[in-house]
């Protein structure tokens, strides 16, 4: 039985290579806090996360470097599986 492919060496290598580029968030354009690592990175909204330009649920490849993008954890989460990087708007005025 196969495990989670995101726990494998190829995915970790892709994440490390993308992190080493030190690029800004491809969604919002602001700097990413690359110094946040370890367990706290999973909770910090400005930490690095690997995003996929074409979401996996829409046929994107998990391990294709051409599909890999650097993003803030919050931006990646907010984008979800949409194909656009436009920030979603509130459903009503507050």
C-alpha atoms as a PDB file:
ATOM      1  CA  UNK A   1       0.000   0.000   0.000  1.00  0.00           C
ATOM      2  CA  UNK A   2       1.468   3.344  -1.064  1.00  0.00           C
ATOM      3  CA  UNK A   3       1.828   6.164   1.425  1.00  0.00           C
ATOM      4  CA  UNK A   4       1.279   9.866   1.010  1.00  0.00           C
ATOM      5  CA  UNK A   5       3.416  11.038  -1.961  1.00  0.00           C
ATOM      6  CA  UNK A   6       3.994  14.368  -0.180  1.00  0.00           C
ATOM      7  CA  UNK A   7       6.041  12.511   2.425  1.00  0.00           C
ATOM      8  CA  UNK A   8       8.402  11.031  -0.166  1.00  0.00           C
ATOM      9  CA  UNK A   9      11.910  12.100  -1.083  1.00  0.00           C
ATOM     10  CA  UNK A  10      11.016  13.476  -4.571  1.00  0.00           C
ATOM     11  CA  UNK A  11       8.445  15.863  -3.102  1.00  0.00           C
ATOM     12  CA  UNK A  12      10.737  16.963  -0.257  1.00  0.00           C
ATOM     13  CA  UNK A  13      13.512  17.582  -2.812  1.00  0.00           C
ATOM     14  CA  UNK A  14      11.175  19.694  -4.958  1.00  0.00           C
ATOM     15  CA  UNK A  15      10.159  21.722  -1.879  1.00  0.00           C
ATOM     16  CA  UNK A  16      13.809  22.267  -0.910  1.00  0.00           C
ATOM     17  CA  UNK A  17      14.734  23.420  -4.421  1.00  0.00           C
ATOM     18  CA  UNK A  18      11.789  25.809  -4.586  1.00  0.00           C
ATOM     19  CA  UNK A  19      12.577  27.176  -1.117  1.00  0.00           C
ATOM     20  CA  UNK A  20      16.250  27.718  -2.105  1.00  0.00           C
ATOM     21  CA  UNK A  21      15.153  30.076  -4.897  1.00  0.00           C
ATOM     22  CA  UNK A  22      13.943  32.565  -2.265  1.00  0.00           C
ATOM     23  CA  UNK A  23      11.161  33.871  -4.495  1.00  0.00           C
ATOM     24  CA  UNK A  24       8.299  36.079  -3.296  1.00  0.00           C
ATOM     25  CA  UNK A  25       4.777  34.680  -3.026  1.00  0.00           C
ATOM     26  CA  UNK A  26       3.456  34.140  -6.543  1.00  0.00           C
ATOM     27  CA  UNK A  27      -0.084  34.954  -5.413  1.00  0.00           C
ATOM     28  CA  UNK A  28       0.314  38.246  -3.521  1.00  0.00           C
ATOM     29  CA  UNK A  29       3.857  39.233  -4.580  1.00  0.00           C
ATOM     30  CA  UNK A  30       5.129  39.889  -1.032  1.00  0.00           C
ATOM     31  CA  UNK A  31       8.214  38.371   0.591  1.00  0.00           C
ATOM     32  CA  UNK A  32       7.897  34.978   2.244  1.00  0.00           C
ATOM     33  CA  UNK A  33       9.317  34.365   5.737  1.00  0.00           C
ATOM     34  CA  UNK A  34      11.739  31.608   4.701  1.00  0.00           C
ATOM     35  CA  UNK A  35      13.344  31.664   8.156  1.00  0.00           C
ATOM     36  CA  UNK A  36      10.246  30.015   9.655  1.00  0.00           C
ATOM     37  CA  UNK A  37      10.928  26.272   9.592  1.00  0.00           C
ATOM     38  CA  UNK A  38      10.010  23.164  11.536  1.00  0.00           C
ATOM     39  CA  UNK A  39       6.700  22.546  13.279  1.00  0.00           C
ATOM     40  CA  UNK A  40       5.884  26.250  13.642  1.00  0.00           C
ATOM     41  CA  UNK A  41       5.953  26.673   9.839  1.00  0.00           C
ATOM     42  CA  UNK A  42       2.804  24.565   9.619  1.00  0.00           C
ATOM     43  CA  UNK A  43       0.924  27.141  11.671  1.00  0.00           C
ATOM     44  CA  UNK A  44       2.423  30.458  10.578  1.00  0.00           C
ATOM     45  CA  UNK A  45       0.485  32.200   7.826  1.00  0.00           C
ATOM     46  CA  UNK A  46       3.548  33.877   6.263  1.00  0.00           C
ATOM     47  CA  UNK A  47       5.666  30.709   6.127  1.00  0.00           C
ATOM     48  CA  UNK A  48       6.716  29.068   2.844  1.00  0.00           C
ATOM     49  CA  UNK A  49       4.546  26.433   1.270  1.00  0.00           C
ATOM     50  CA  UNK A  50       4.789  24.791  -2.120  1.00  0.00           C
ATOM     51  CA  UNK A  51       1.824  25.687  -4.307  1.00  0.00           C
ATOM     52  CA  UNK A  52       0.935  24.278  -7.711  1.00  0.00           C
ATOM     53  CA  UNK A  53      -0.006  26.615 -10.555  1.00  0.00           C
ATOM     54  CA  UNK A  54      -2.417  23.998 -11.892  1.00  0.00           C
ATOM     55  CA  UNK A  55      -4.083  22.515  -8.809  1.00  0.00           C
ATOM     56  CA  UNK A  56      -3.677  18.779  -8.341  1.00  0.00           C
ATOM     57  CA  UNK A  57      -7.452  18.364  -8.295  1.00  0.00           C
ATOM     58  CA  UNK A  58      -7.549  19.922 -11.770  1.00  0.00           C
ATOM     59  CA  UNK A  59      -4.912  17.658 -13.296  1.00  0.00           C
ATOM     60  CA  UNK A  60      -1.704  19.364 -12.175  1.00  0.00           C
ATOM     61  CA  UNK A  61       1.387  17.291 -11.485  1.00  0.00           C
ATOM     62  CA  UNK A  62       2.602  16.948  -7.906  1.00  0.00           C
ATOM     63  CA  UNK A  63       6.269  16.560  -8.843  1.00  0.00           C
ATOM     64  CA  UNK A  64       6.581  18.733 -11.969  1.00  0.00           C
ATOM     65  CA  UNK A  65       8.989  21.630 -11.241  1.00  0.00           C
ATOM     66  CA  UNK A  66       7.249  23.703 -13.936  1.00  0.00           C
ATOM     67  CA  UNK A  67       4.038  23.503 -11.887  1.00  0.00           C
ATOM     68  CA  UNK A  68       5.708  24.390  -8.549  1.00  0.00           C
ATOM     69  CA  UNK A  69       5.358  27.871  -7.069  1.00  0.00           C
ATOM     70  CA  UNK A  70       6.404  29.518  -3.804  1.00  0.00           C
ATOM     71  CA  UNK A  71       3.543  30.872  -1.720  1.00  0.00           C
ATOM     72  CA  UNK A  72       2.594  31.980   1.758  1.00  0.00           C
ATOM     73  CA  UNK A  73       0.688  29.313   3.639  1.00  0.00           C
ATOM     74  CA  UNK A  74      -2.273  31.723   4.002  1.00  0.00           C
ATOM     75  CA  UNK A  75      -2.330  32.682   0.302  1.00  0.00           C
ATOM     76  CA  UNK A  76      -2.109  29.040  -0.784  1.00  0.00           C
ATOM     77  CA  UNK A  77      -4.915  28.056   1.562  1.00  0.00           C
ATOM     78  CA  UNK A  78      -7.131  30.967   0.523  1.00  0.00           C
ATOM     79  CA  UNK A  79      -6.636  30.230  -3.174  1.00  0.00           C
ATOM     80  CA  UNK A  80      -7.795  26.643  -2.772  1.00  0.00           C
ATOM     81  CA  UNK A  81      -8.093  24.833  -6.093  1.00  0.00           C
ATOM     82  CA  UNK A  82      -8.960  27.871  -8.210  1.00  0.00           C
ATOM     83  CA  UNK A  83      -6.993  28.321 -11.420  1.00  0.00           C
ATOM     84  CA  UNK A  84      -6.573  32.071 -10.887  1.00  0.00           C
ATOM     85  CA  UNK A  85      -4.341  33.861  -8.386  1.00  0.00           C
ATOM     86  CA  UNK A  86      -6.863  36.672  -7.886  1.00  0.00           C
ATOM     87  CA  UNK A  87      -7.645  37.053  -4.220  1.00  0.00           C
ATOM     88  CA  UNK A  88     -11.274  36.098  -3.539  1.00  0.00           C
ATOM     89  CA  UNK A  89     -13.543  38.915  -2.479  1.00  0.00           C
ATOM     90  CA  UNK A  90     -15.922  38.889   0.439  1.00  0.00           C
ATOM     91  CA  UNK A  91     -19.446  37.828  -0.353  1.00  0.00           C
ATOM     92  CA  UNK A  92     -20.764  41.102   1.046  1.00  0.00           C
ATOM     93  CA  UNK A  93     -19.582  44.443   2.353  1.00  0.00           C
ATOM     94  CA  UNK A  94     -18.701  44.597   6.010  1.00  0.00           C
END
